Amino acid sequence: MTVAETFETMKTLFNPSAAAGMNKTIQWNISGEDAGQWAFKIAEQTCELIEGGVEKADLTMSMSDKDWIAIAEGKLDPMNAFMMGKVKTQGDVMLAMRIQQIFPTSH
């Protein structure tokens, strides 16, 4: 699975009820061979995927492509990755806690 494919998959996992009342933008800055920026603009219980990212996100998370794919595939716990310093965050850290509800996985 490529990094771009993980974000396309996330779009299909979006849980509108978990995003009720939310108007936020979350961005992922991915480094490595499969590098890039992706953002989700969440508003009015919808989500829009923005390839290339945005200028100012409410929350920005930075990590390597390998760590992101491991997280997306359920092989690396996002909280553990953060605690180990594999994921860096800027902005609304409390928003990061809600990502698993907004984009639930089957794991």
Protein backbone atom coordinates (compact mmCIF):
# COMPACT_ATOMS: atom_id res chain seq x y z
CA MET A 1 0.00 0.00 0.00
CA THR A 2 1.30 3.48 -0.88
CA VAL A 3 1.00 6.57 1.29
CA ALA A 4 -1.51 8.09 -1.17
CA GLU A 5 -3.63 4.92 -1.01
CA THR A 6 -3.77 5.11 2.80
CA PHE A 7 -5.31 8.58 2.60
CA GLU A 8 -7.83 7.47 -0.04
CA THR A 9 -8.77 4.61 2.31
CA MET A 10 -9.13 7.02 5.24
CA LYS A 11 -11.64 9.04 3.21
CA THR A 12 -13.86 5.94 2.97
CA LEU A 13 -13.54 5.28 6.73
CA PHE A 14 -14.69 8.79 7.70
CA ASN A 15 -17.27 8.75 10.51
CA PRO A 16 -19.50 11.87 10.16
CA SER A 17 -21.10 11.48 13.61
CA ALA A 18 -17.66 11.59 15.31
CA ALA A 19 -16.99 14.88 13.50
CA ALA A 20 -20.23 16.59 14.56
CA GLY A 21 -19.63 20.28 15.27
CA MET A 22 -16.03 20.06 14.07
CA ASN A 23 -14.48 22.56 11.67
CA LYS A 24 -10.81 21.62 11.58
CA THR A 25 -8.01 20.79 9.18
CA ILE A 26 -5.59 17.97 9.96
CA GLN A 27 -2.40 17.64 7.93
CA TRP A 28 0.13 14.84 7.57
CA ASN A 29 3.68 15.68 6.46
CA ILE A 30 5.21 12.41 5.28
CA SER A 31 8.95 12.09 4.68
CA GLY A 32 10.93 9.31 2.98
CA GLU A 33 10.74 7.67 -0.44
CA ASP A 34 6.94 8.08 -0.62
CA ALA A 35 6.96 11.63 0.76
CA GLY A 36 4.21 14.22 0.45
CA GLN A 37 1.64 16.26 2.29
CA TRP A 38 -2.01 15.37 2.71
CA ALA A 39 -4.68 17.20 4.66
CA PHE A 40 -8.29 16.53 5.58
CA LYS A 41 -10.60 19.51 5.93
CA ILE A 42 -13.41 18.43 8.22
CA ALA A 43 -16.51 20.63 8.33
CA GLU A 44 -20.27 20.09 8.60
CA GLN A 45 -19.77 16.34 9.07
CA THR A 46 -17.93 15.99 5.74
CA CYS A 47 -14.26 15.49 4.95
CA GLU A 48 -12.30 16.70 1.97
CA LEU A 49 -8.89 15.23 1.14
CA ILE A 50 -6.40 17.88 0.01
CA GLU A 51 -3.30 16.47 -1.69
CA GLY A 52 -0.32 18.76 -1.25
CA GLY A 53 -1.59 19.95 2.12
CA VAL A 54 -2.65 23.40 3.26
CA GLU A 55 -0.86 26.52 4.44
CA LYS A 56 -2.25 26.52 7.98
CA ALA A 57 -3.68 23.37 9.55
CA ASP A 58 -5.20 23.09 13.03
CA LEU A 59 -3.04 20.01 13.60
CA THR A 60 0.05 18.93 11.67
CA MET A 61 1.66 15.54 12.18
CA SER A 62 5.04 14.67 10.72
CA MET A 63 6.45 11.16 10.32
CA SER A 64 8.26 8.87 7.90
CA ASP A 65 6.43 7.02 5.15
CA LYS A 66 7.33 3.67 6.72
CA ASP A 67 5.96 4.67 10.14
CA TRP A 68 2.78 6.12 8.60
CA ILE A 69 2.09 2.96 6.59
CA ALA A 70 2.69 0.83 9.70
CA ILE A 71 0.17 2.99 11.59
CA ALA A 72 -2.34 2.89 8.71
CA GLU A 73 -2.05 -0.91 8.48
CA GLY A 74 -2.53 -1.30 12.23
CA LYS A 75 1.01 -2.60 12.80
CA LEU A 76 2.13 0.42 14.83
CA ASP A 77 -0.01 2.00 17.54
CA PRO A 78 -0.26 5.77 16.91
CA MET A 79 0.12 6.62 20.62
CA ASN A 80 3.21 4.42 20.95
CA ALA A 81 4.66 5.99 17.78
CA PHE A 82 4.13 9.44 19.32
CA MET A 83 5.70 8.38 22.64
CA MET A 84 8.71 6.92 20.79
CA GLY A 85 9.20 10.20 18.94
CA LYS A 86 8.30 8.71 15.55
CA VAL A 87 5.37 11.12 15.18
CA LYS A 88 5.82 14.85 15.74
CA THR A 89 2.79 17.08 16.24
CA GLN A 90 2.19 20.81 15.94
CA GLY A 91 -1.00 22.60 16.85
CA ASP A 92 -4.15 21.18 18.45
CA VAL A 93 -2.83 18.01 20.12
CA MET A 94 -6.27 17.23 21.58
CA LEU A 95 -7.51 16.92 18.01
CA ALA A 96 -4.99 14.10 17.49
CA MET A 97 -6.79 12.13 20.22
CA ARG A 98 -10.00 12.22 18.14
CA ILE A 99 -8.51 10.93 14.86
CA GLN A 100 -9.22 7.29 15.72
CA GLN A 101 -12.91 8.11 16.21
CA ILE A 102 -13.13 10.28 13.09
CA PHE A 103 -11.36 7.69 10.91
CA PRO A 104 -12.08 4.35 12.64
CA THR A 105 -10.30 1.25 11.41
CA SER A 106 -11.46 -2.33 11.56
CA HIS A 107 -8.54 -3.29 13.86
